[in-house]
Structures are given as structure tokens and as C-alpha cells.
Amino acid sequence: MHLELLVPGLLTLPGPARAPALERLLRRGRVRRGERASMEAWLQEGFRLPALPAGALSVLGSGGEPGDASWARADPVHLRLLRDRIVIVPADAVGLTAAEAEALSAALRAHFSERLDLVVHTTGRWSVRLAGPLALPAMPPLDMAGRPAAPGGAGDALLTEIQMVLHAHEANAARESQGQPPINSLWLWGEGALPKDAHATWLSATAGDPLVHGLARAAGMRSRAPSPAADWLERAPGEGRHLVVLDHLRAPAALGDVQGHAEALAALEREWFAPVLAALQAGGLGMVTVHVPDGARALWVETIRGDLRRFWRRPRPLAAWASEGIE
């Protein structure tokens, strides 16, 4: 069985924290480098799509039926006014609760009635059905964290109306009274209809992101909810290639949260990298590939059981990988 781990954010914010099992997998395996890409661009290429309609795919991945309509992701964000620009703060950085997400989305549905079909997948991941093309960006709010919100575009009128509804909502008033930033806009991205030609060489995909589940369904693959590696290995889906998306480091990396990044890395080391290394040593896995698409350059490392005997290749800290000092 070939297990492929997609780990965005791993080398974006390297600190002093160590991950012995992961470092051993990386150091003993065969290394390749490539052009840097976002997680979404990596998935788009992996599923052989000319574009990534993230909204429609997320609806499909959440168990909905997007039909032939055009959808976009409409993720809640806080727009922060600085001295000379407005920057984007994703929901991951402002502590949006499930109750607040439900209240805000319900207000938008009530205001727009049949003009806006809004679906909440998770607290910070929403989708909206579009009436027509808007030429929206392809980048999610995490990749836009701290960047200026570019004005202009066909979606401005819709966004202005959305922002008016959110501004007047009591949930935002309560957040501001507690010193929390309000959710004052949505970030629209990834528009398009459900693709008819998604393909992949994996037999299954495991992830918490509805976008990945939608890609799996569109490609006719099995998809699984996230779980620790011990559970995954116990219920291993069989021979062949299997994709597991470990995106736990992505938000702290994007937000510059060094402590959060170290804590998430420690959890991944305990729940995934150490059990996977043990399974490879025991022969329960034939190959493990670690993909890191969004470092200074993309990195992927393939490791088989025999590679682990290369004892002279001593593990190095992740910071060394981030600086491209190891080949």
C-alpha cells in the first residue's frame, strides 16, 4: 500500500520544534523539488482539472447536489481597515463559533430569500450559488491572510449588500462588545460548475475539508473523515495509492502563530508520523510519500522500508528543509 500525506504549512513557519519520526521519513527517503503551489493548486493538478470550482465541489463533498449551477466558496472573514488599505483576516484568526456562523448565515438567507442559496459546510467554510459569472479569485482566505482586499469586480454589488446585513447583525454587535473582530464580509473564491472530468490515481482520500471530499466524489473515489493514523491503518482501505490531507498546520502557518504551529506539529507527530513510520518499519505500508507544496519550493519525499536502513543519513530539523539545505 502506498500512503501519500499532503502536509501544507509544514515548512512555511519552521521553528525550533522537532518531529523525530517525520524527520526520519524525510531524511531517509528520495527527495524531489518543484515549483511552489497552494494546497488548492496541488489538488487541482492531482485531480487533473483545468480549474478548481471549490464552491460546487464543497457542496458535493458535504452531501449536497450542486447540479449544473455555478457556485463559489463564500468563506466568512473580517475586513480590517488600516491606515491606507483594507486587509483580510480569515475566520481561523477571529474565533468564529458554530452558533455565530449559523446565526449570520441564517440572516443572509432571510435577507436574500431566493436570490441567494447559501450552504454552511463548517464554521469557516461556506458556499453560495451564483446567478452568473463574477470572475472571482482562485485563492482561499487563508492564502490572503493579511493581504489587501482588492476592490472592483462584478461581485461588488453582492458583497456590499452582504456586508450591510452582517454589519447590522446582533452576533457581530456582541462580538465587538467582547473585543472580538466582527465577521463583516465573505471572501468569494473558486467559482464554477461541478467538473465532469475529475480523475485521480488514488483509491481513497481522507480529509476534513469538504473540498477534498467533493473531489473524491467527482472522481469516483472513496473518501473518509479524518482520524488518527492508528484508526486509519486498522481500517486500511486496501492496496493501491491513498491520499491523506493533513492540513492542521496551514492556519497557524498562514497566521504566523508559532506556538499554534508547534502544538499542531506535535499532535501530527504523535497521531500520524510516528504510527506511519512504525507501520512502514513493520511492513504494513509499502511506501510513504510526504508532499509539502507550499514551502519556498514544493517538496515531496518517497520512502520505502529499505530506505530506513540508511542510518548514515541522520535526521535534520525541519528548518533545514525549509531552507533547502538538504537533498
Protein backbone atom coordinates (compact mmCIF):
# COMPACT_ATOMS: atom_id res chain seq x y z
CA MET A 1 0.00 0.00 0.00
CA HIS A 2 1.27 3.47 -0.91
CA LEU A 3 0.24 6.18 1.56
CA GLU A 4 0.59 9.79 0.40
CA LEU A 5 0.48 12.54 3.04
CA LEU A 6 -0.27 16.09 1.89
CA VAL A 7 1.03 18.45 4.61
CA PRO A 8 0.58 22.13 3.66
CA GLY A 9 2.14 24.65 6.02
CA LEU A 10 4.82 22.26 7.26
CA LEU A 11 7.78 24.35 6.04
CA THR A 12 6.13 27.76 5.90
CA LEU A 13 6.74 28.62 9.54
CA PRO A 14 9.54 26.35 10.77
CA GLY A 15 10.50 26.85 14.40
CA PRO A 16 12.66 25.03 16.93
CA ALA A 17 10.12 22.20 17.42
CA ARG A 18 11.30 18.76 16.37
CA ALA A 19 9.35 15.82 14.92
CA PRO A 20 11.68 12.78 15.06
CA ALA A 21 9.52 10.32 13.11
CA LEU A 22 8.76 12.81 10.34
CA GLU A 23 12.40 13.92 10.18
CA ARG A 24 13.48 10.31 9.77
CA LEU A 25 10.99 9.72 6.96
CA LEU A 26 12.20 12.83 5.16
CA ARG A 27 15.91 12.20 5.61
CA ARG A 28 15.92 8.53 4.63
CA GLY A 29 13.73 8.90 1.55
CA ARG A 30 14.25 10.13 -2.01
CA VAL A 31 13.78 13.87 -2.38
CA ARG A 32 12.34 15.86 -5.25
CA ARG A 33 11.71 19.58 -5.53
CA GLY A 34 9.31 21.57 -7.67
CA GLU A 35 7.55 24.87 -8.08
CA ARG A 36 5.75 26.20 -5.02
CA ALA A 37 1.95 25.83 -5.11
CA SER A 38 -1.01 26.28 -2.80
CA MET A 39 -2.86 23.25 -1.48
CA GLU A 40 -5.72 24.03 -3.88
CA ALA A 41 -3.39 24.24 -6.89
CA TRP A 42 -1.79 20.93 -5.87
CA LEU A 43 -5.21 19.28 -5.65
CA GLN A 44 -6.28 20.77 -8.97
CA GLU A 45 -3.25 19.23 -10.65
CA GLY A 46 -3.63 15.95 -8.77
CA PHE A 47 -7.22 15.56 -9.96
CA ARG A 48 -6.30 16.75 -13.47
CA LEU A 49 -8.70 19.68 -13.62
CA PRO A 50 -8.29 22.81 -15.76
CA ALA A 51 -9.80 24.88 -12.93
CA LEU A 52 -10.93 24.23 -9.35
CA PRO A 53 -14.62 25.11 -8.76
CA ALA A 54 -14.21 24.95 -4.98
CA GLY A 55 -17.78 26.05 -4.22
CA ALA A 56 -19.53 23.35 -6.23
CA LEU A 57 -17.07 20.69 -5.07
CA SER A 58 -17.56 21.66 -1.43
CA VAL A 59 -21.33 21.35 -1.81
CA LEU A 60 -20.87 17.90 -3.32
CA GLY A 61 -18.40 16.94 -0.59
CA SER A 62 -20.87 17.96 2.11
CA GLY A 63 -23.52 15.64 0.71
CA GLY A 64 -25.36 18.24 -1.37
CA GLU A 65 -26.23 18.25 -5.04
CA PRO A 66 -24.80 21.31 -6.83
CA GLY A 67 -26.44 20.35 -10.12
CA ASP A 68 -25.31 22.32 -13.16
CA ALA A 69 -25.33 25.68 -11.35
CA SER A 70 -22.26 27.80 -10.77
CA TRP A 71 -21.16 28.01 -7.15
CA ALA A 72 -18.41 29.80 -5.26
CA ARG A 73 -16.94 29.41 -1.84
CA ALA A 74 -18.12 32.26 0.36
CA ASP A 75 -15.98 31.98 3.47
CA PRO A 76 -16.62 34.41 6.36
CA VAL A 77 -13.84 36.94 7.01
CA HIS A 78 -13.10 40.12 8.91
CA LEU A 79 -12.01 43.06 6.78
CA ARG A 80 -9.69 45.24 8.87
CA LEU A 81 -9.28 48.90 7.97
CA LEU A 82 -5.69 50.04 8.28
CA ARG A 83 -4.27 53.44 7.58
CA ASP A 84 -4.05 53.08 3.82
CA ARG A 85 -5.68 49.77 2.97
CA ILE A 86 -8.16 47.07 3.97
CA VAL A 87 -6.68 43.67 4.78
CA ILE A 88 -8.29 40.25 5.03
CA VAL A 89 -8.44 38.36 8.33
CA PRO A 90 -9.78 34.80 7.83
CA ALA A 91 -12.27 33.21 10.20
CA ASP A 92 -9.50 30.96 11.56
CA ALA A 93 -7.94 34.03 13.19
CA VAL A 94 -11.01 35.51 14.88
CA GLY A 95 -12.56 32.59 16.77
CA LEU A 96 -15.87 32.34 14.93
CA THR A 97 -18.15 29.89 16.74
CA ALA A 98 -20.59 27.43 15.18
CA ALA A 99 -23.52 29.30 16.78
CA GLU A 100 -22.33 32.61 15.31
CA ALA A 101 -21.83 31.04 11.88
CA GLU A 102 -25.37 29.65 11.95
CA ALA A 103 -26.87 32.96 13.09
CA LEU A 104 -25.03 35.02 10.48
CA SER A 105 -25.76 32.61 7.63
CA ALA A 106 -29.45 32.44 8.63
CA ALA A 107 -29.67 36.24 8.49
CA LEU A 108 -28.17 36.26 4.99
CA ARG A 109 -30.61 33.59 3.80
CA ALA A 110 -33.56 35.52 5.26
CA HIS A 111 -32.46 38.79 3.67
CA PHE A 112 -31.74 37.44 0.21
CA SER A 113 -34.54 34.84 0.19
CA GLU A 114 -34.48 33.01 -3.15
CA ARG A 115 -31.78 35.28 -4.56
CA LEU A 116 -29.03 33.58 -2.59
CA ASP A 117 -28.59 29.88 -1.84
CA LEU A 118 -26.05 29.72 0.96
CA VAL A 119 -24.61 26.46 2.34
CA VAL A 120 -22.56 26.23 5.55
CA HIS A 121 -20.16 23.28 5.41
CA THR A 122 -18.13 24.06 8.54
CA THR A 123 -17.79 27.15 10.73
CA GLY A 124 -15.39 28.88 8.35
CA ARG A 125 -16.27 27.21 5.05
CA TRP A 126 -19.41 28.32 3.23
CA SER A 127 -20.59 28.19 -0.38
CA VAL A 128 -23.05 30.27 -2.37
CA ARG A 129 -24.88 29.60 -5.64
CA LEU A 130 -24.19 32.31 -8.22
CA ALA A 131 -26.64 33.84 -10.65
CA GLY A 132 -23.89 34.48 -13.20
CA PRO A 133 -20.12 34.62 -13.70
CA LEU A 134 -18.21 37.01 -11.41
CA ALA A 135 -14.56 36.38 -12.37
CA LEU A 136 -13.66 35.63 -8.76
CA PRO A 137 -10.15 34.87 -7.46
CA ALA A 138 -8.96 31.30 -7.00
CA MET A 139 -7.24 31.91 -3.66
CA PRO A 140 -8.91 30.99 -0.33
CA PRO A 141 -8.90 33.46 2.58
CA LEU A 142 -6.04 31.67 4.38
CA ASP A 143 -3.77 32.41 1.42
CA MET A 144 -4.99 36.03 1.51
CA ALA A 145 -4.40 36.50 5.26
CA GLY A 146 -3.01 39.97 5.92
CA ARG A 147 -3.13 40.95 2.25
CA PRO A 148 -5.05 43.90 0.88
CA ALA A 149 -8.63 43.24 -0.24
CA ALA A 150 -8.56 44.29 -3.87
CA PRO A 151 -11.60 46.44 -4.79
CA GLY A 152 -13.52 46.16 -8.01
CA GLY A 153 -15.17 43.29 -9.84
CA ALA A 154 -18.55 42.01 -10.84
CA GLY A 155 -19.26 40.74 -7.34
CA ASP A 156 -19.01 44.16 -5.65
CA ALA A 157 -22.74 44.84 -5.55
CA LEU A 158 -23.45 41.45 -3.99
CA LEU A 159 -20.64 41.87 -1.46
CA THR A 160 -21.82 45.35 -0.47
CA GLU A 161 -25.30 44.02 0.29
CA ILE A 162 -23.83 41.07 2.22
CA GLN A 163 -21.66 43.42 4.25
CA MET A 164 -24.66 45.60 5.16
CA VAL A 165 -26.54 42.57 6.53
CA LEU A 166 -23.54 41.39 8.52
CA HIS A 167 -22.78 44.85 9.89
CA ALA A 168 -26.25 45.17 11.41
CA HIS A 169 -26.36 41.69 12.94
CA GLU A 170 -26.58 41.30 16.72
CA ALA A 171 -23.99 38.50 16.70
CA ASN A 172 -21.41 40.96 15.42
CA ALA A 173 -22.52 43.58 17.91
CA ALA A 174 -21.97 41.00 20.67
CA ARG A 175 -18.54 40.14 19.30
CA GLU A 176 -17.49 43.78 19.24
CA SER A 177 -18.74 44.32 22.81
CA GLN A 178 -16.42 41.48 23.85
CA GLY A 179 -13.46 42.97 22.00
CA GLN A 180 -13.63 40.47 19.14
CA PRO A 181 -13.47 41.50 15.47
CA PRO A 182 -16.81 41.21 13.67
CA ILE A 183 -17.41 38.97 10.68
CA ASN A 184 -18.13 41.82 8.30
CA SER A 185 -17.76 40.21 4.88
CA LEU A 186 -17.45 37.00 2.90
CA TRP A 187 -14.49 36.08 0.72
CA LEU A 188 -15.81 34.79 -2.60
CA TRP A 189 -13.48 32.47 -4.49
CA GLY A 190 -13.34 29.29 -6.56
CA GLU A 191 -16.40 29.77 -8.76
CA GLY A 192 -17.71 27.38 -11.37
CA ALA A 193 -19.94 24.40 -12.02
CA LEU A 194 -19.20 20.86 -10.92
CA PRO A 195 -16.49 19.36 -13.17
CA LYS A 196 -17.37 16.37 -15.30
CA ASP A 197 -13.81 15.18 -15.89
CA ALA A 198 -12.11 14.79 -12.49
CA HIS A 199 -9.61 11.94 -12.44
CA ALA A 200 -7.13 10.65 -9.90
CA THR A 201 -4.85 7.68 -9.40
CA TRP A 202 -5.68 7.41 -5.69
CA LEU A 203 -8.22 4.88 -4.49
CA SER A 204 -9.31 6.92 -1.47
CA ALA A 205 -8.92 10.35 0.09
CA THR A 206 -9.04 11.21 3.79
CA ALA A 207 -9.54 14.83 4.85
CA GLY A 208 -11.59 17.22 6.93
CA ASP A 209 -12.06 19.72 4.11
CA PRO A 210 -15.33 19.31 2.14
CA LEU A 211 -13.47 20.38 -0.99
CA VAL A 212 -11.35 17.22 -0.86
CA HIS A 213 -14.42 15.04 -0.29
CA GLY A 214 -16.06 16.69 -3.29
CA LEU A 215 -13.03 16.00 -5.46
CA ALA A 216 -13.09 12.37 -4.35
CA ARG A 217 -16.79 12.00 -5.16
CA ALA A 218 -16.35 13.72 -8.53
CA ALA A 219 -13.52 11.30 -9.39
CA GLY A 220 -15.44 8.24 -8.22
CA MET A 221 -13.13 7.63 -5.25
CA ARG A 222 -13.91 6.69 -1.69
CA SER A 223 -13.50 9.45 0.87
CA ARG A 224 -13.03 9.16 4.60
CA ALA A 225 -13.38 11.50 7.56
CA PRO A 226 -10.17 12.41 9.39
CA SER A 227 -8.95 10.10 12.14
CA PRO A 228 -5.63 9.25 13.82
CA ALA A 229 -3.31 7.03 11.83
CA ALA A 230 -3.88 4.08 14.17
CA ASP A 231 -7.58 4.04 13.22
CA TRP A 232 -6.82 4.64 9.55
CA LEU A 233 -4.32 1.79 9.43
CA GLU A 234 -6.65 -0.56 11.29
CA ARG A 235 -9.34 0.07 8.67
CA ALA A 236 -6.89 0.39 5.79
CA PRO A 237 -8.80 0.57 2.51
CA GLY A 238 -6.58 -1.95 0.69
CA GLU A 239 -3.70 -1.95 -1.75
CA GLY A 240 -3.01 0.92 -4.11
CA ARG A 241 -2.43 4.61 -3.54
CA HIS A 242 -4.30 6.52 -0.85
CA LEU A 243 -4.25 10.25 -0.11
CA VAL A 244 -4.48 11.73 3.38
CA VAL A 245 -4.67 15.52 3.72
CA LEU A 246 -3.13 16.75 6.98
CA ASP A 247 -3.89 20.48 6.84
CA HIS A 248 -3.60 21.13 10.60
CA LEU A 249 -0.50 23.33 10.14
CA ARG A 250 -1.94 25.50 7.41
CA ALA A 251 -3.84 28.04 9.52
CA PRO A 252 -1.12 28.67 12.13
CA ALA A 253 1.46 28.98 9.32
CA ALA A 254 -0.68 31.49 7.42
CA LEU A 255 -1.38 33.48 10.59
CA GLY A 256 2.19 33.47 11.88
CA ASP A 257 1.16 31.57 15.01
CA VAL A 258 4.47 29.97 16.06
CA GLN A 259 3.10 28.36 19.22
CA GLY A 260 -0.01 27.04 17.47
CA HIS A 261 2.17 25.67 14.68
CA ALA A 262 4.42 23.85 17.18
CA GLU A 263 1.41 22.39 19.01
CA ALA A 264 -0.18 21.19 15.77
CA LEU A 265 3.12 19.67 14.64
CA ALA A 266 3.46 17.80 17.95
CA ALA A 267 -0.07 16.40 17.53
CA LEU A 268 0.66 15.28 13.97
CA GLU A 269 3.90 13.65 15.06
CA ARG A 270 2.05 11.72 17.77
CA GLU A 271 -1.08 10.83 15.81
CA TRP A 272 0.31 10.37 12.29
CA PHE A 273 4.02 10.49 11.62
CA ALA A 274 5.15 8.13 14.40
CA PRO A 275 2.46 5.47 13.66
CA VAL A 276 3.12 5.72 9.92
CA LEU A 277 6.87 5.26 10.44
CA ALA A 278 6.17 2.23 12.66
CA ALA A 279 3.83 0.74 10.02
CA LEU A 280 6.47 1.24 7.33
CA GLN A 281 9.10 -0.45 9.51
CA ALA A 282 6.77 -3.39 10.17
CA GLY A 283 5.86 -3.85 6.51
CA GLY A 284 2.26 -2.69 6.89
CA LEU A 285 2.94 0.03 4.32
CA GLY A 286 4.92 -0.37 1.13
CA MET A 287 5.73 3.30 0.57
CA VAL A 288 5.09 6.63 2.25
CA THR A 289 5.25 9.89 0.32
CA VAL A 290 5.20 13.25 2.10
CA HIS A 291 4.07 16.18 -0.08
CA VAL A 292 4.72 19.77 1.04
CA PRO A 293 3.51 22.01 -1.80
CA ASP A 294 3.85 25.45 -0.25
CA GLY A 295 7.36 25.84 1.13
CA ALA A 296 9.95 28.04 -0.57
CA ARG A 297 9.75 25.30 -3.18
CA ALA A 298 7.49 22.27 -3.32
CA LEU A 299 8.95 19.20 -1.65
CA TRP A 300 8.00 15.54 -1.95
CA VAL A 301 9.86 12.67 -0.36
CA GLU A 302 9.25 8.97 -1.15
CA THR A 303 10.33 6.45 1.48
CA ILE A 304 10.19 2.65 1.37
CA ARG A 305 11.07 0.22 4.14
CA GLY A 306 14.57 -0.42 2.81
CA ASP A 307 15.35 3.30 2.88
CA LEU A 308 15.07 3.28 6.66
CA ARG A 309 18.33 1.31 6.83
CA ARG A 310 20.27 4.28 5.51
CA PHE A 311 21.46 5.07 9.04
CA TRP A 312 24.21 7.38 7.84
CA ARG A 313 21.57 9.89 6.75
CA ARG A 314 20.87 11.38 10.13
CA PRO A 315 17.62 13.31 10.67
CA ARG A 316 17.82 17.08 10.44
CA PRO A 317 15.42 19.72 11.84
CA LEU A 318 12.58 20.92 9.65
CA ALA A 319 14.17 24.38 9.47
CA ALA A 320 16.95 22.83 7.37
CA TRP A 321 14.38 21.50 4.90
CA ALA A 322 12.70 24.89 4.73
CA SER A 323 15.98 26.50 3.69
CA GLU A 324 16.51 23.82 1.00
CA GLY A 325 19.72 22.78 2.68
CA ILE A 326 19.09 19.03 2.30
CA GLU A 327 18.87 16.92 -0.82
